[in-house]
ModelCIF file with pLDDT and N, C-alpha, C, O atoms, coordinates in Angstrom:
data_MODEL
#
_entry.id   MODEL 
#
_entity.id                         1 
_entity.type                       polymer 
_entity.pdbx_number_of_molecules   1 
#
_entity_poly.entity_id                      1 
_entity_poly.type                           'polypeptide(L)' 
_entity_poly.nstd_linkage                   no 
_entity_poly.nstd_monomer                   no 
_entity_poly.pdbx_seq_one_letter_code       GMRYPASLGGSEADTVCLCVAAEELARGWLSLAASAV 
_entity_poly.pdbx_seq_one_letter_code_can   GMRYPASLGGSEADTVCLCVAAEELARGWLSLAASAV 
_entity_poly.pdbx_strand_id                 A 
#
loop_
_entity_poly_seq.entity_id 
_entity_poly_seq.num 
_entity_poly_seq.mon_id 
_entity_poly_seq.hetero 
1 1  GLY n 
1 2  MET n 
1 3  ARG n 
1 4  TYR n 
1 5  PRO n 
1 6  ALA n 
1 7  SER n 
1 8  LEU n 
1 9  GLY n 
1 10 GLY n 
1 11 SER n 
1 12 GLU n 
1 13 ALA n 
1 14 ASP n 
1 15 THR n 
1 16 VAL n 
1 17 CYS n 
1 18 LEU n 
1 19 CYS n 
1 20 VAL n 
1 21 ALA n 
1 22 ALA n 
1 23 GLU n 
1 24 GLU n 
1 25 LEU n 
1 26 ALA n 
1 27 ARG n 
1 28 GLY n 
1 29 TRP n 
1 30 LEU n 
1 31 SER n 
1 32 LEU n 
1 33 ALA n 
1 34 ALA n 
1 35 SER n 
1 36 ALA n 
1 37 VAL n 
#
_struct_asym.id          A 
_struct_asym.entity_id   1 
#
loop_
_ma_qa_metric.id 
_ma_qa_metric.mode 
_ma_qa_metric.name 
_ma_qa_metric.software_group_id 
_ma_qa_metric.type 
1 global pLDDT . pLDDT 
2 local  pLDDT . pLDDT 
#
_ma_qa_metric_global.metric_id      1 
_ma_qa_metric_global.metric_value   96.81 
_ma_qa_metric_global.model_id       1 
_ma_qa_metric_global.ordinal_id     1 
#
loop_
_ma_qa_metric_local.label_asym_id 
_ma_qa_metric_local.label_comp_id 
_ma_qa_metric_local.label_seq_id 
_ma_qa_metric_local.metric_id 
_ma_qa_metric_local.metric_value 
_ma_qa_metric_local.model_id 
_ma_qa_metric_local.ordinal_id 
A GLY 1  2 97.00 1 1  
A MET 2  2 96.00 1 2  
A ARG 3  2 94.00 1 3  
A TYR 4  2 96.00 1 4  
A PRO 5  2 96.00 1 5  
A ALA 6  2 96.00 1 6  
A SER 7  2 95.00 1 7  
A LEU 8  2 95.00 1 8  
A GLY 9  2 95.00 1 9  
A GLY 10 2 96.00 1 10 
A SER 11 2 96.00 1 11 
A GLU 12 2 96.00 1 12 
A ALA 13 2 96.00 1 13 
A ASP 14 2 95.00 1 14 
A THR 15 2 95.00 1 15 
A VAL 16 2 97.00 1 16 
A CYS 17 2 97.00 1 17 
A LEU 18 2 97.00 1 18 
A CYS 19 2 98.00 1 19 
A VAL 20 2 98.00 1 20 
A ALA 21 2 98.00 1 21 
A ALA 22 2 98.00 1 22 
A GLU 23 2 98.00 1 23 
A GLU 24 2 98.00 1 24 
A LEU 25 2 98.00 1 25 
A ALA 26 2 98.00 1 26 
A ARG 27 2 98.00 1 27 
A GLY 28 2 96.00 1 28 
A TRP 29 2 98.00 1 29 
A LEU 30 2 98.00 1 30 
A SER 31 2 98.00 1 31 
A LEU 32 2 98.00 1 32 
A ALA 33 2 98.00 1 33 
A ALA 34 2 97.00 1 34 
A SER 35 2 97.00 1 35 
A ALA 36 2 98.00 1 36 
A VAL 37 2 97.00 1 37 
#
loop_
_atom_site.group_PDB 
_atom_site.id 
_atom_site.type_symbol 
_atom_site.label_atom_id 
_atom_site.label_alt_id 
_atom_site.label_comp_id 
_atom_site.label_asym_id 
_atom_site.label_entity_id 
_atom_site.label_seq_id 
_atom_site.pdbx_PDB_ins_code 
_atom_site.Cartn_x 
_atom_site.Cartn_y 
_atom_site.Cartn_z 
_atom_site.occupancy 
_atom_site.B_iso_or_equiv 
_atom_site.pdbx_formal_charge 
_atom_site.auth_seq_id 
_atom_site.auth_comp_id 
_atom_site.auth_asym_id 
_atom_site.auth_atom_id 
_atom_site.pdbx_PDB_model_num 
ATOM 1   N N  . GLY A 1 1  ? 91.476  97.395  114.027 1.00 97.00 ? 1  GLY A N  1 
ATOM 2   C CA . GLY A 1 1  ? 92.086  96.608  115.094 1.00 97.00 ? 1  GLY A CA 1 
ATOM 3   C C  . GLY A 1 1  ? 93.495  96.146  114.796 1.00 97.00 ? 1  GLY A C  1 
ATOM 4   O O  . GLY A 1 1  ? 94.029  95.308  115.522 1.00 97.00 ? 1  GLY A O  1 
ATOM 5   N N  . MET A 1 2  ? 94.112  96.665  113.755 1.00 96.00 ? 2  MET A N  1 
ATOM 6   C CA . MET A 1 2  ? 95.421  96.159  113.341 1.00 96.00 ? 2  MET A CA 1 
ATOM 7   C C  . MET A 1 2  ? 96.465  96.223  114.448 1.00 96.00 ? 2  MET A C  1 
ATOM 8   O O  . MET A 1 2  ? 97.294  95.321  114.573 1.00 96.00 ? 2  MET A O  1 
ATOM 9   N N  . ARG A 1 3  ? 96.430  97.293  115.260 1.00 94.00 ? 3  ARG A N  1 
ATOM 10  C CA . ARG A 1 3  ? 97.465  97.478  116.274 1.00 94.00 ? 3  ARG A CA 1 
ATOM 11  C C  . ARG A 1 3  ? 97.060  96.951  117.644 1.00 94.00 ? 3  ARG A C  1 
ATOM 12  O O  . ARG A 1 3  ? 97.767  97.180  118.626 1.00 94.00 ? 3  ARG A O  1 
ATOM 13  N N  . TYR A 1 4  ? 95.926  96.245  117.725 1.00 96.00 ? 4  TYR A N  1 
ATOM 14  C CA . TYR A 1 4  ? 95.423  95.807  119.024 1.00 96.00 ? 4  TYR A CA 1 
ATOM 15  C C  . TYR A 1 4  ? 95.453  94.286  119.170 1.00 96.00 ? 4  TYR A C  1 
ATOM 16  O O  . TYR A 1 4  ? 95.503  93.570  118.170 1.00 96.00 ? 4  TYR A O  1 
ATOM 17  N N  . PRO A 1 5  ? 95.421  93.793  120.403 1.00 96.00 ? 5  PRO A N  1 
ATOM 18  C CA . PRO A 1 5  ? 95.518  92.345  120.642 1.00 96.00 ? 5  PRO A CA 1 
ATOM 19  C C  . PRO A 1 5  ? 94.322  91.573  120.083 1.00 96.00 ? 5  PRO A C  1 
ATOM 20  O O  . PRO A 1 5  ? 93.222  92.107  119.942 1.00 96.00 ? 5  PRO A O  1 
ATOM 21  N N  . ALA A 1 6  ? 94.569  90.316  119.773 1.00 96.00 ? 6  ALA A N  1 
ATOM 22  C CA . ALA A 1 6  ? 93.509  89.441  119.258 1.00 96.00 ? 6  ALA A CA 1 
ATOM 23  C C  . ALA A 1 6  ? 92.388  89.281  120.275 1.00 96.00 ? 6  ALA A C  1 
ATOM 24  O O  . ALA A 1 6  ? 91.230  89.097  119.900 1.00 96.00 ? 6  ALA A O  1 
ATOM 25  N N  . SER A 1 7  ? 92.724  89.351  121.556 1.00 95.00 ? 7  SER A N  1 
ATOM 26  C CA . SER A 1 7  ? 91.722  89.189  122.614 1.00 95.00 ? 7  SER A CA 1 
ATOM 27  C C  . SER A 1 7  ? 90.667  90.290  122.575 1.00 95.00 ? 7  SER A C  1 
ATOM 28  O O  . SER A 1 7  ? 89.571  90.119  123.107 1.00 95.00 ? 7  SER A O  1 
ATOM 29  N N  . LEU A 1 8  ? 90.996  91.429  121.941 1.00 95.00 ? 8  LEU A N  1 
ATOM 30  C CA . LEU A 1 8  ? 90.053  92.540  121.821 1.00 95.00 ? 8  LEU A CA 1 
ATOM 31  C C  . LEU A 1 8  ? 89.446  92.627  120.421 1.00 95.00 ? 8  LEU A C  1 
ATOM 32  O O  . LEU A 1 8  ? 88.679  93.542  120.125 1.00 95.00 ? 8  LEU A O  1 
ATOM 33  N N  . GLY A 1 9  ? 89.797  91.666  119.565 1.00 95.00 ? 9  GLY A N  1 
ATOM 34  C CA . GLY A 1 9  ? 89.290  91.671  118.205 1.00 95.00 ? 9  GLY A CA 1 
ATOM 35  C C  . GLY A 1 9  ? 90.276  92.211  117.199 1.00 95.00 ? 9  GLY A C  1 
ATOM 36  O O  . GLY A 1 9  ? 89.929  92.411  116.036 1.00 95.00 ? 9  GLY A O  1 
ATOM 37  N N  . GLY A 1 10 ? 91.510  92.452  117.631 1.00 96.00 ? 10 GLY A N  1 
ATOM 38  C CA . GLY A 1 10 ? 92.529  92.979  116.737 1.00 96.00 ? 10 GLY A CA 1 
ATOM 39  C C  . GLY A 1 10 ? 93.352  91.892  116.090 1.00 96.00 ? 10 GLY A C  1 
ATOM 40  O O  . GLY A 1 10 ? 93.087  90.704  116.273 1.00 96.00 ? 10 GLY A O  1 
ATOM 41  N N  . SER A 1 11 ? 94.362  92.305  115.325 1.00 96.00 ? 11 SER A N  1 
ATOM 42  C CA . SER A 1 11 ? 95.205  91.337  114.609 1.00 96.00 ? 11 SER A CA 1 
ATOM 43  C C  . SER A 1 11 ? 96.681  91.440  114.988 1.00 96.00 ? 11 SER A C  1 
ATOM 44  O O  . SER A 1 11 ? 97.516  90.719  114.442 1.00 96.00 ? 11 SER A O  1 
ATOM 45  N N  . GLU A 1 12 ? 97.010  92.358  115.945 1.00 96.00 ? 12 GLU A N  1 
ATOM 46  C CA . GLU A 1 12 ? 98.373  92.459  116.463 1.00 96.00 ? 12 GLU A CA 1 
ATOM 47  C C  . GLU A 1 12 ? 99.401  92.702  115.353 1.00 96.00 ? 12 GLU A C  1 
ATOM 48  O O  . GLU A 1 12 ? 100.515 92.181  115.409 1.00 96.00 ? 12 GLU A O  1 
ATOM 49  N N  . ALA A 1 13 ? 99.026  93.484  114.360 1.00 96.00 ? 13 ALA A N  1 
ATOM 50  C CA . ALA A 1 13 ? 99.941  93.805  113.259 1.00 96.00 ? 13 ALA A CA 1 
ATOM 51  C C  . ALA A 1 13 ? 100.935 94.874  113.703 1.00 96.00 ? 13 ALA A C  1 
ATOM 52  O O  . ALA A 1 13 ? 100.736 95.541  114.719 1.00 96.00 ? 13 ALA A O  1 
ATOM 53  N N  . ASP A 1 14 ? 102.004 95.026  112.930 1.00 95.00 ? 14 ASP A N  1 
ATOM 54  C CA . ASP A 1 14 ? 103.014 96.019  113.278 1.00 95.00 ? 14 ASP A CA 1 
ATOM 55  C C  . ASP A 1 14 ? 102.775 97.328  112.529 1.00 95.00 ? 14 ASP A C  1 
ATOM 56  O O  . ASP A 1 14 ? 101.817 97.456  111.767 1.00 95.00 ? 14 ASP A O  1 
ATOM 57  N N  . THR A 1 15 ? 103.658 98.292  112.756 1.00 95.00 ? 15 THR A N  1 
ATOM 58  C CA . THR A 1 15 ? 103.506 99.614  112.148 1.00 95.00 ? 15 THR A CA 1 
ATOM 59  C C  . THR A 1 15 ? 103.643 99.551  110.635 1.00 95.00 ? 15 THR A C  1 
ATOM 60  O O  . THR A 1 15 ? 102.957 100.276 109.915 1.00 95.00 ? 15 THR A O  1 
ATOM 61  N N  . VAL A 1 16 ? 104.526 98.688  110.155 1.00 97.00 ? 16 VAL A N  1 
ATOM 62  C CA . VAL A 1 16 ? 104.692 98.546  108.706 1.00 97.00 ? 16 VAL A CA 1 
ATOM 63  C C  . VAL A 1 16 ? 103.372 98.121  108.065 1.00 97.00 ? 16 VAL A C  1 
ATOM 64  O O  . VAL A 1 16 ? 102.964 98.687  107.050 1.00 97.00 ? 16 VAL A O  1 
ATOM 65  N N  . CYS A 1 17 ? 102.713 97.141  108.644 1.00 97.00 ? 17 CYS A N  1 
ATOM 66  C CA . CYS A 1 17 ? 101.425 96.676  108.102 1.00 97.00 ? 17 CYS A CA 1 
ATOM 67  C C  . CYS A 1 17 ? 100.380 97.788  108.131 1.00 97.00 ? 17 CYS A C  1 
ATOM 68  O O  . CYS A 1 17 ? 99.625  97.969  107.175 1.00 97.00 ? 17 CYS A O  1 
ATOM 69  N N  . LEU A 1 18 ? 100.345 98.523  109.225 1.00 97.00 ? 18 LEU A N  1 
ATOM 70  C CA . LEU A 1 18 ? 99.382  99.615  109.322 1.00 97.00 ? 18 LEU A CA 1 
ATOM 71  C C  . LEU A 1 18 ? 99.644  100.663 108.246 1.00 97.00 ? 18 LEU A C  1 
ATOM 72  O O  . LEU A 1 18 ? 98.705  101.201 107.659 1.00 97.00 ? 18 LEU A O  1 
ATOM 73  N N  . CYS A 1 19 ? 100.921 100.954 107.985 1.00 98.00 ? 19 CYS A N  1 
ATOM 74  C CA . CYS A 1 19 ? 101.262 101.937 106.952 1.00 98.00 ? 19 CYS A CA 1 
ATOM 75  C C  . CYS A 1 19 ? 100.867 101.446 105.562 1.00 98.00 ? 19 CYS A C  1 
ATOM 76  O O  . CYS A 1 19 ? 100.394 102.232 104.740 1.00 98.00 ? 19 CYS A O  1 
ATOM 77  N N  . VAL A 1 20 ? 101.055 100.155 105.293 1.00 98.00 ? 20 VAL A N  1 
ATOM 78  C CA . VAL A 1 20 ? 100.645 99.601  104.000 1.00 98.00 ? 20 VAL A CA 1 
ATOM 79  C C  . VAL A 1 20 ? 99.148  99.817  103.789 1.00 98.00 ? 20 VAL A C  1 
ATOM 80  O O  . VAL A 1 20 ? 98.716  100.266 102.728 1.00 98.00 ? 20 VAL A O  1 
ATOM 81  N N  . ALA A 1 21 ? 98.369  99.490  104.814 1.00 98.00 ? 21 ALA A N  1 
ATOM 82  C CA . ALA A 1 21 ? 96.916  99.622  104.715 1.00 98.00 ? 21 ALA A CA 1 
ATOM 83  C C  . ALA A 1 21 ? 96.503  101.087 104.600 1.00 98.00 ? 21 ALA A C  1 
ATOM 84  O O  . ALA A 1 21 ? 95.626  101.426 103.805 1.00 98.00 ? 21 ALA A O  1 
ATOM 85  N N  . ALA A 1 22 ? 97.135  101.958 105.394 1.00 98.00 ? 22 ALA A N  1 
ATOM 86  C CA . ALA A 1 22 ? 96.804  103.386 105.346 1.00 98.00 ? 22 ALA A CA 1 
ATOM 87  C C  . ALA A 1 22 ? 97.144  103.974 103.983 1.00 98.00 ? 22 ALA A C  1 
ATOM 88  O O  . ALA A 1 22 ? 96.379  104.772 103.442 1.00 98.00 ? 22 ALA A O  1 
ATOM 89  N N  . GLU A 1 23 ? 98.285  103.584 103.429 1.00 98.00 ? 23 GLU A N  1 
ATOM 90  C CA . GLU A 1 23 ? 98.686  104.068 102.108 1.00 98.00 ? 23 GLU A CA 1 
ATOM 91  C C  . GLU A 1 23 ? 97.661  103.668 101.049 1.00 98.00 ? 23 GLU A C  1 
ATOM 92  O O  . GLU A 1 23 ? 97.286  104.479 100.202 1.00 98.00 ? 23 GLU A O  1 
ATOM 93  N N  . GLU A 1 24 ? 97.213  102.422 101.100 1.00 98.00 ? 24 GLU A N  1 
ATOM 94  C CA . GLU A 1 24 ? 96.244  101.958 100.098 1.00 98.00 ? 24 GLU A CA 1 
ATOM 95  C C  . GLU A 1 24 ? 94.900  102.658 100.231 1.00 98.00 ? 24 GLU A C  1 
ATOM 96  O O  . GLU A 1 24 ? 94.274  102.998 99.227  1.00 98.00 ? 24 GLU A O  1 
ATOM 97  N N  . LEU A 1 25 ? 94.451  102.878 101.468 1.00 98.00 ? 25 LEU A N  1 
ATOM 98  C CA . LEU A 1 25 ? 93.199  103.606 101.655 1.00 98.00 ? 25 LEU A CA 1 
ATOM 99  C C  . LEU A 1 25 ? 93.324  105.025 101.112 1.00 98.00 ? 25 LEU A C  1 
ATOM 100 O O  . LEU A 1 25 ? 92.412  105.520 100.450 1.00 98.00 ? 25 LEU A O  1 
ATOM 101 N N  . ALA A 1 26 ? 94.451  105.680 101.391 1.00 98.00 ? 26 ALA A N  1 
ATOM 102 C CA . ALA A 1 26 ? 94.648  107.052 100.929 1.00 98.00 ? 26 ALA A CA 1 
ATOM 103 C C  . ALA A 1 26 ? 94.776  107.121 99.412  1.00 98.00 ? 26 ALA A C  1 
ATOM 104 O O  . ALA A 1 26 ? 94.363  108.107 98.803  1.00 98.00 ? 26 ALA A O  1 
ATOM 105 N N  . ARG A 1 27 ? 95.336  106.096 98.801  1.00 98.00 ? 27 ARG A N  1 
ATOM 106 C CA . ARG A 1 27 ? 95.428  106.049 97.343  1.00 98.00 ? 27 ARG A CA 1 
ATOM 107 C C  . ARG A 1 27 ? 94.032  106.055 96.726  1.00 98.00 ? 27 ARG A C  1 
ATOM 108 O O  . ARG A 1 27 ? 93.829  106.586 95.634  1.00 98.00 ? 27 ARG A O  1 
ATOM 109 N N  . GLY A 1 28 ? 93.080  105.461 97.432  1.00 96.00 ? 28 GLY A N  1 
ATOM 110 C CA . GLY A 1 28 ? 91.705  105.468 96.944  1.00 96.00 ? 28 GLY A CA 1 
ATOM 111 C C  . GLY A 1 28 ? 90.978  106.749 97.286  1.00 96.00 ? 28 GLY A C  1 
ATOM 112 O O  . GLY A 1 28 ? 90.343  107.353 96.422  1.00 96.00 ? 28 GLY A O  1 
ATOM 113 N N  . TRP A 1 29 ? 91.064  107.182 98.569  1.00 98.00 ? 29 TRP A N  1 
ATOM 114 C CA . TRP A 1 29 ? 90.309  108.369 98.989  1.00 98.00 ? 29 TRP A CA 1 
ATOM 115 C C  . TRP A 1 29 ? 90.803  108.803 100.356 1.00 98.00 ? 29 TRP A C  1 
ATOM 116 O O  . TRP A 1 29 ? 90.629  108.079 101.336 1.00 98.00 ? 29 TRP A O  1 
ATOM 117 N N  . LEU A 1 30 ? 91.415  109.970 100.435 1.00 98.00 ? 30 LEU A N  1 
ATOM 118 C CA . LEU A 1 30 ? 92.016  110.421 101.677 1.00 98.00 ? 30 LEU A CA 1 
ATOM 119 C C  . LEU A 1 30 ? 90.984  110.720 102.754 1.00 98.00 ? 30 LEU A C  1 
ATOM 120 O O  . LEU A 1 30 ? 91.278  110.548 103.937 1.00 98.00 ? 30 LEU A O  1 
ATOM 121 N N  . SER A 1 31 ? 89.790  111.160 102.387 1.00 98.00 ? 31 SER A N  1 
ATOM 122 C CA . SER A 1 31 ? 88.758  111.419 103.404 1.00 98.00 ? 31 SER A CA 1 
ATOM 123 C C  . SER A 1 31 ? 88.470  110.161 104.213 1.00 98.00 ? 31 SER A C  1 
ATOM 124 O O  . SER A 1 31 ? 88.407  110.205 105.442 1.00 98.00 ? 31 SER A O  1 
ATOM 125 N N  . LEU A 1 32 ? 88.296  109.048 103.524 1.00 98.00 ? 32 LEU A N  1 
ATOM 126 C CA . LEU A 1 32 ? 88.037  107.790 104.208 1.00 98.00 ? 32 LEU A CA 1 
ATOM 127 C C  . LEU A 1 32 ? 89.260  107.360 105.008 1.00 98.00 ? 32 LEU A C  1 
ATOM 128 O O  . LEU A 1 32 ? 89.140  106.924 106.152 1.00 98.00 ? 32 LEU A O  1 
ATOM 129 N N  . ALA A 1 33 ? 90.438  107.486 104.400 1.00 98.00 ? 33 ALA A N  1 
ATOM 130 C CA . ALA A 1 33 ? 91.669  107.076 105.075 1.00 98.00 ? 33 ALA A CA 1 
ATOM 131 C C  . ALA A 1 33 ? 91.911  107.891 106.337 1.00 98.00 ? 33 ALA A C  1 
ATOM 132 O O  . ALA A 1 33 ? 92.313  107.337 107.361 1.00 98.00 ? 33 ALA A O  1 
ATOM 133 N N  . ALA A 1 34 ? 91.672  109.205 106.278 1.00 97.00 ? 34 ALA A N  1 
ATOM 134 C CA . ALA A 1 34 ? 91.894  110.067 107.438 1.00 97.00 ? 34 ALA A CA 1 
ATOM 135 C C  . ALA A 1 34 ? 90.962  109.688 108.580 1.00 97.00 ? 34 ALA A C  1 
ATOM 136 O O  . ALA A 1 34 ? 91.387  109.622 109.733 1.00 97.00 ? 34 ALA A O  1 
ATOM 137 N N  . SER A 1 35 ? 89.697  109.440 108.269 1.00 97.00 ? 35 SER A N  1 
ATOM 138 C CA . SER A 1 35 ? 88.738  109.037 109.305 1.00 97.00 ? 35 SER A CA 1 
ATOM 139 C C  . SER A 1 35 ? 89.099  107.675 109.879 1.00 97.00 ? 35 SER A C  1 
ATOM 140 O O  . SER A 1 35 ? 88.949  107.438 111.078 1.00 97.00 ? 35 SER A O  1 
ATOM 141 N N  . ALA A 1 36 ? 89.576  106.780 109.017 1.00 98.00 ? 36 ALA A N  1 
ATOM 142 C CA . ALA A 1 36 ? 89.934  105.434 109.456 1.00 98.00 ? 36 ALA A CA 1 
ATOM 143 C C  . ALA A 1 36 ? 91.158  105.439 110.363 1.00 98.00 ? 36 ALA A C  1 
ATOM 144 O O  . ALA A 1 36 ? 91.202  104.717 111.359 1.00 98.00 ? 36 ALA A O  1 
ATOM 145 N N  . VAL A 1 37 ? 92.152  106.257 110.015 1.00 97.00 ? 37 VAL A N  1 
ATOM 146 C CA . VAL A 1 37 ? 93.350  106.341 110.860 1.00 97.00 ? 37 VAL A CA 1 
ATOM 147 C C  . VAL A 1 37 ? 93.015  106.974 112.210 1.00 97.00 ? 37 VAL A C  1 
ATOM 148 O O  . VAL A 1 37 ? 93.897  107.129 113.055 1.00 97.00 ? 37 VAL A O  1 
#
């Protein structure tokens, strides 16, 4: 929900935040990161 409004259960984060999270997931395991993205 990082890129979605709080009213829908998201956190209204920006693209930079999403990239930080995606990078960390991929550093651990790209299969999980790819499905999550």
